[in-house]
Amino acid sequence: MKKTFVLSHTKIAYPRLIEAAKGDVKKYLKRERNKTLPDWADYWGFDCRFGQTEETAEVIRTAKINESISYAESQAWTSFYLEILAVPAE
């Protein structure tokens, strides 16, 4: 998933957009974890990047995704970029 989440909408409140983004991430992670692993892999690992734009995105751990989205909310960002790539791992 490589996506820029836009946090401005004429009819949807800002906190609802934040919760929707967190829900999208949770669904994506669940969907990727349920995919069939290659024979040599033990689990799915995720390479994640987060920032205001794709160019300024920094590497983060999967466990810090919700915390990073909450940080974007506290800073009142109008959008943020999130990249999550599933990688088979041993």
C-alpha atoms as a PDB file:
ATOM      1  CA  MET A   1       0.000   0.000   0.000  1.00  0.00           C
ATOM      2  CA  LYS A   2       1.415   3.345  -1.051  1.00  0.00           C
ATOM      3  CA  LYS A   3      -1.153   5.991  -0.310  1.00  0.00           C
ATOM      4  CA  THR A   4      -1.528   9.657   0.496  1.00  0.00           C
ATOM      5  CA  PHE A   5      -4.433  10.077   2.898  1.00  0.00           C
ATOM      6  CA  VAL A   6      -6.224  13.407   2.428  1.00  0.00           C
ATOM      7  CA  LEU A   7      -7.629  14.673   5.718  1.00  0.00           C
ATOM      8  CA  SER A   8      -9.966  17.355   4.455  1.00  0.00           C
ATOM      9  CA  HIS A   9     -13.537  16.826   3.345  1.00  0.00           C
ATOM     10  CA  THR A  10     -16.540  19.104   3.147  1.00  0.00           C
ATOM     11  CA  LYS A  11     -18.932  16.761   4.960  1.00  0.00           C
ATOM     12  CA  ILE A  12     -16.763  14.378   6.990  1.00  0.00           C
ATOM     13  CA  ALA A  13     -15.281  15.572  10.295  1.00  0.00           C
ATOM     14  CA  TYR A  14     -11.494  15.500  10.751  1.00  0.00           C
ATOM     15  CA  PRO A  15     -11.518  12.897  13.577  1.00  0.00           C
ATOM     16  CA  ARG A  16     -13.628  10.567  11.410  1.00  0.00           C
ATOM     17  CA  LEU A  17     -11.094  10.836   8.568  1.00  0.00           C
ATOM     18  CA  ILE A  18      -8.312   9.921  11.004  1.00  0.00           C
ATOM     19  CA  GLU A  19     -10.248   6.890  12.266  1.00  0.00           C
ATOM     20  CA  ALA A  20     -11.032   5.855   8.677  1.00  0.00           C
ATOM     21  CA  ALA A  21      -7.316   5.970   7.820  1.00  0.00           C
ATOM     22  CA  LYS A  22      -6.474   3.821  10.856  1.00  0.00           C
ATOM     23  CA  GLY A  23      -9.207   1.370   9.841  1.00  0.00           C
ATOM     24  CA  ASP A  24      -7.888   1.158   6.275  1.00  0.00           C
ATOM     25  CA  VAL A  25      -4.409   0.356   7.587  1.00  0.00           C
ATOM     26  CA  LYS A  26      -5.747  -2.307   9.961  1.00  0.00           C
ATOM     27  CA  LYS A  27      -7.738  -3.972   7.148  1.00  0.00           C
ATOM     28  CA  TYR A  28      -4.738  -3.890   4.804  1.00  0.00           C
ATOM     29  CA  LEU A  29      -2.420  -5.484   7.377  1.00  0.00           C
ATOM     30  CA  LYS A  30      -4.964  -8.216   8.126  1.00  0.00           C
ATOM     31  CA  ARG A  31      -5.484  -8.924   4.419  1.00  0.00           C
ATOM     32  CA  GLU A  32      -1.727  -9.149   3.771  1.00  0.00           C
ATOM     33  CA  ARG A  33      -1.107 -11.405   6.790  1.00  0.00           C
ATOM     34  CA  ASN A  34      -3.727 -13.854   5.518  1.00  0.00           C
ATOM     35  CA  LYS A  35      -1.989 -14.330   2.153  1.00  0.00           C
ATOM     36  CA  THR A  36      -0.113 -17.561   1.548  1.00  0.00           C
ATOM     37  CA  LEU A  37       3.533 -17.423   2.584  1.00  0.00           C
ATOM     38  CA  PRO A  38       6.357 -18.773   0.411  1.00  0.00           C
ATOM     39  CA  ASP A  39       7.644 -22.155   1.652  1.00  0.00           C
ATOM     40  CA  TRP A  40      10.850 -20.685   3.080  1.00  0.00           C
ATOM     41  CA  ALA A  41       9.162 -17.878   5.060  1.00  0.00           C
ATOM     42  CA  ASP A  42       7.834 -18.018   8.625  1.00  0.00           C
ATOM     43  CA  TYR A  43       5.790 -14.808   8.726  1.00  0.00           C
ATOM     44  CA  TRP A  44       4.995 -11.576   6.897  1.00  0.00           C
ATOM     45  CA  GLY A  45       7.158  -8.605   7.802  1.00  0.00           C
ATOM     46  CA  PHE A  46       6.266  -5.079   6.756  1.00  0.00           C
ATOM     47  CA  ASP A  47       8.487  -2.263   5.513  1.00  0.00           C
ATOM     48  CA  CYS A  48       6.759   0.992   6.479  1.00  0.00           C
ATOM     49  CA  ARG A  49       7.378   4.654   5.729  1.00  0.00           C
ATOM     50  CA  PHE A  50       5.394   7.635   7.040  1.00  0.00           C
ATOM     51  CA  GLY A  51       5.509  11.392   6.473  1.00  0.00           C
ATOM     52  CA  GLN A  52       3.670  14.457   5.232  1.00  0.00           C
ATOM     53  CA  THR A  53       4.731  13.701   1.651  1.00  0.00           C
ATOM     54  CA  GLU A  54       6.306  10.768  -0.162  1.00  0.00           C
ATOM     55  CA  GLU A  55       9.608  12.656  -0.395  1.00  0.00           C
ATOM     56  CA  THR A  56       9.786  13.386   3.355  1.00  0.00           C
ATOM     57  CA  ALA A  57       8.561   9.962   4.531  1.00  0.00           C
ATOM     58  CA  GLU A  58      10.771   8.207   7.075  1.00  0.00           C
ATOM     59  CA  VAL A  59      11.051   4.516   7.927  1.00  0.00           C
ATOM     60  CA  ILE A  60       8.908   3.454  10.904  1.00  0.00           C
ATOM     61  CA  ARG A  61       8.044   0.167  12.594  1.00  0.00           C
ATOM     62  CA  THR A  62       4.657  -1.448  11.990  1.00  0.00           C
ATOM     63  CA  ALA A  63       3.737  -1.025  15.660  1.00  0.00           C
ATOM     64  CA  LYS A  64       4.197   2.763  15.362  1.00  0.00           C
ATOM     65  CA  ILE A  65       1.705   3.300  12.511  1.00  0.00           C
ATOM     66  CA  ASN A  66      -1.263   4.279  14.726  1.00  0.00           C
ATOM     67  CA  GLU A  67       0.987   6.464  16.858  1.00  0.00           C
ATOM     68  CA  SER A  68       2.262   8.226  13.724  1.00  0.00           C
ATOM     69  CA  ILE A  69      -1.274   8.815  12.446  1.00  0.00           C
ATOM     70  CA  SER A  70      -2.221  10.240  15.851  1.00  0.00           C
ATOM     71  CA  TYR A  71       0.822  12.530  15.634  1.00  0.00           C
ATOM     72  CA  ALA A  72      -0.400  13.761  12.239  1.00  0.00           C
ATOM     73  CA  GLU A  73      -3.771  14.477  13.859  1.00  0.00           C
ATOM     74  CA  SER A  74      -2.180  16.400  16.737  1.00  0.00           C
ATOM     75  CA  GLN A  75      -0.206  18.511  14.256  1.00  0.00           C
ATOM     76  CA  ALA A  76      -3.387  19.108  12.174  1.00  0.00           C
ATOM     77  CA  TRP A  77      -1.822  17.867   8.937  1.00  0.00           C
ATOM     78  CA  THR A  78      -4.096  18.166   5.897  1.00  0.00           C
ATOM     79  CA  SER A  79      -2.648  14.948   4.447  1.00  0.00           C
ATOM     80  CA  PHE A  80      -0.029  12.292   5.113  1.00  0.00           C
ATOM     81  CA  TYR A  81       1.769   9.611   3.116  1.00  0.00           C
ATOM     82  CA  LEU A  82       1.922   6.011   4.300  1.00  0.00           C
ATOM     83  CA  GLU A  83       3.733   3.157   2.592  1.00  0.00           C
ATOM     84  CA  ILE A  84       3.386  -0.431   3.781  1.00  0.00           C
ATOM     85  CA  LEU A  85       5.072  -3.203   1.810  1.00  0.00           C
ATOM     86  CA  ALA A  86       4.641  -6.850   2.818  1.00  0.00           C
ATOM     87  CA  VAL A  87       7.894  -8.814   2.853  1.00  0.00           C
ATOM     88  CA  PRO A  88       8.157 -12.542   3.637  1.00  0.00           C
ATOM     89  CA  ALA A  89      10.558 -13.089   6.549  1.00  0.00           C
ATOM     90  CA  GLU A  90      12.164 -15.962   8.437  1.00  0.00           C
END
